[in-house]
Amino acid sequence: MKRALPLFDKVIIAIGTNSSKRYMYDIERRLEMIRFVFRNEPKVEAAIYNGMTVDYCREIGADFLLRGLRTSADFEFERSIAHINSILLPGLDTVFLLSIQEYSAINSTIVRDILLNGGDASPFVPEGLNLK
C-alpha cells in the first residue's frame, strides 16, 4: 500500500464480504486494524462494502482498482477478474503491483495458522498491530 501512495491522490482500502472465505476476525475488527496501520497516512481511507467490487467502484466513482500480486497464479486469477470488471464498468482500470519478494510467501492462511497455534506472527504483520 505504501508503494501505491505516490501513484494516487487517495487510496481506499475497501473490505468486501466473501462468503466462501473463513475469517479469523470479523469485518469491523479488520476495518479497525487497517485504520490503525494507516492512522498517520491522510491519503488512505478504509471502508466496508457489500456486493460486487465493481459496483462499489461505481458507487464511489473510482477510476482504478489496485491489486497486489504475489505469484504468477495471482496474476492469472486477477487478470480474469480485471477483464470482467472492465466489461461491467467500462473505464475502470486495474493496476497491479508486484509484492516485494520478501513478502511474496506471506498470506492470510499462514498468518492465521501461526496465530491459532500460539505462534508469534509479528514478523509477518505491520508493527504495533494487536492481533488478540
Protein backbone atom coordinates (compact mmCIF):
# COMPACT_ATOMS: atom_id res chain seq x y z
CA MET A 1 0.00 0.00 0.00
CA LYS A 2 2.81 2.40 0.84
CA ARG A 3 4.23 1.94 -2.66
CA ALA A 4 0.85 2.86 -4.16
CA LEU A 5 0.52 6.18 -2.34
CA PRO A 6 2.70 8.20 -4.75
CA LEU A 7 0.54 6.95 -7.64
CA PHE A 8 -2.83 8.18 -6.39
CA ASP A 9 -4.35 11.21 -4.66
CA LYS A 10 -6.36 8.95 -2.38
CA VAL A 11 -6.42 5.21 -1.74
CA ILE A 12 -9.48 3.49 -0.27
CA ILE A 13 -8.86 0.10 1.27
CA ALA A 14 -12.25 -1.48 0.73
CA ILE A 15 -13.15 -4.63 2.65
CA GLY A 16 -15.74 -6.73 0.89
CA THR A 17 -17.59 -9.70 2.24
CA ASN A 18 -16.74 -13.07 0.76
CA SER A 19 -18.98 -15.90 1.94
CA SER A 20 -16.53 -18.55 0.72
CA LYS A 21 -13.70 -17.34 2.96
CA ARG A 22 -13.12 -18.18 6.61
CA TYR A 23 -12.12 -15.06 8.55
CA MET A 24 -10.34 -15.00 11.88
CA TYR A 25 -11.61 -11.50 12.69
CA ASP A 26 -15.00 -10.00 11.97
CA ILE A 27 -15.24 -7.25 9.40
CA GLU A 28 -15.40 -4.43 11.94
CA ARG A 29 -12.20 -5.65 13.63
CA ARG A 30 -10.43 -5.85 10.24
CA LEU A 31 -11.55 -2.29 9.48
CA GLU A 32 -10.20 -1.17 12.85
CA MET A 33 -6.83 -2.84 12.15
CA ILE A 34 -6.50 -1.16 8.75
CA ARG A 35 -7.33 2.22 10.22
CA PHE A 36 -4.72 1.65 12.94
CA VAL A 37 -1.99 0.72 10.46
CA PHE A 38 -2.68 3.79 8.28
CA ARG A 39 -3.65 6.18 11.07
CA ASN A 40 -0.87 8.63 10.12
CA GLU A 41 -1.49 8.49 6.39
CA PRO A 42 -4.10 11.08 5.33
CA LYS A 43 -4.31 9.72 1.77
CA VAL A 44 -5.64 6.35 2.99
CA GLU A 45 -9.25 5.65 3.87
CA ALA A 46 -10.82 2.33 4.83
CA ALA A 47 -14.38 1.21 4.16
CA ILE A 48 -16.64 -1.84 4.16
CA TYR A 49 -18.85 -2.73 1.23
CA ASN A 50 -21.29 -5.47 0.27
CA GLY A 51 -21.86 -6.91 -3.16
CA MET A 52 -19.59 -6.82 -6.15
CA THR A 53 -16.38 -4.82 -6.04
CA VAL A 54 -17.18 -3.27 -9.40
CA ASP A 55 -20.47 -1.92 -8.02
CA TYR A 56 -18.63 -0.35 -5.09
CA CYS A 57 -16.16 1.23 -7.53
CA ARG A 58 -19.10 2.69 -9.47
CA GLU A 59 -20.70 3.98 -6.26
CA ILE A 60 -17.59 5.87 -5.13
CA GLY A 61 -16.53 6.95 -8.61
CA ALA A 62 -13.26 5.01 -8.65
CA ASP A 63 -11.27 5.02 -11.88
CA PHE A 64 -8.72 2.46 -10.72
CA LEU A 65 -8.76 -0.80 -8.81
CA LEU A 66 -5.41 -1.59 -7.19
CA ARG A 67 -4.48 -5.24 -6.72
CA GLY A 68 -1.33 -6.78 -5.29
CA LEU A 69 0.28 -9.79 -6.91
CA ARG A 70 2.49 -12.31 -5.11
CA THR A 71 2.74 -15.07 -7.69
CA SER A 72 2.05 -15.84 -11.33
CA ALA A 73 -1.06 -17.74 -10.18
CA ASP A 74 -2.30 -14.50 -8.58
CA PHE A 75 -1.76 -12.76 -11.91
CA GLU A 76 -3.80 -15.30 -13.88
CA PHE A 77 -6.67 -15.11 -11.40
CA GLU A 78 -6.62 -11.31 -11.12
CA ARG A 79 -6.26 -10.79 -14.87
CA SER A 80 -9.52 -12.66 -15.47
CA ILE A 81 -11.33 -10.57 -12.87
CA ALA A 82 -9.87 -7.36 -14.32
CA HIS A 83 -11.19 -8.23 -17.78
CA ILE A 84 -14.67 -8.95 -16.42
CA ASN A 85 -14.64 -5.76 -14.33
CA SER A 86 -13.70 -3.67 -17.37
CA ILE A 87 -16.75 -5.06 -19.18
CA LEU A 88 -19.06 -4.49 -16.20
CA LEU A 89 -17.70 -0.97 -15.62
CA PRO A 90 -16.06 0.50 -18.71
CA GLY A 91 -13.36 2.96 -17.70
CA LEU A 92 -12.36 1.07 -14.56
CA ASP A 93 -8.71 0.12 -14.95
CA THR A 94 -7.00 -2.44 -12.73
CA VAL A 95 -3.48 -1.57 -11.61
CA PHE A 96 -1.26 -4.44 -10.49
CA LEU A 97 1.64 -4.01 -8.10
CA LEU A 98 4.04 -6.87 -7.53
CA SER A 99 4.80 -7.66 -3.92
CA ILE A 100 8.29 -7.16 -2.66
CA GLN A 101 9.98 -10.56 -2.88
CA GLU A 102 10.48 -10.89 0.88
CA TYR A 103 6.70 -10.67 1.35
CA SER A 104 5.60 -12.90 -1.51
CA ALA A 105 5.29 -16.04 0.63
CA ILE A 106 3.09 -14.38 3.26
CA ASN A 107 -0.66 -14.91 3.08
CA SER A 108 -3.57 -14.75 5.49
CA THR A 109 -3.83 -18.54 5.81
CA ILE A 110 -0.25 -18.84 7.02
CA VAL A 111 -0.59 -15.96 9.48
CA ARG A 112 -3.90 -17.35 10.77
CA ASP A 113 -2.35 -20.81 11.30
CA ILE A 114 0.57 -19.29 13.22
CA LEU A 115 -1.84 -17.38 15.48
CA LEU A 116 -4.23 -20.31 16.00
CA ASN A 117 -1.31 -22.48 17.07
CA GLY A 118 0.03 -19.95 19.57
CA GLY A 119 2.93 -18.78 17.42
CA ASP A 120 4.39 -15.31 17.00
CA ALA A 121 3.08 -13.74 13.79
CA SER A 122 4.64 -10.33 14.46
CA PRO A 123 7.31 -10.70 11.72
CA PHE A 124 4.51 -11.03 9.16
CA VAL A 125 2.18 -8.16 10.12
CA PRO A 126 2.58 -4.39 10.48
CA GLU A 127 4.41 -3.22 13.59
CA GLY A 128 2.22 -2.47 16.59
CA LEU A 129 -0.82 -4.33 15.32
CA ASN A 130 -2.67 -6.06 18.14
CA LEU A 131 -3.82 -9.48 16.92
CA LYS A 132 -5.53 -10.53 20.15
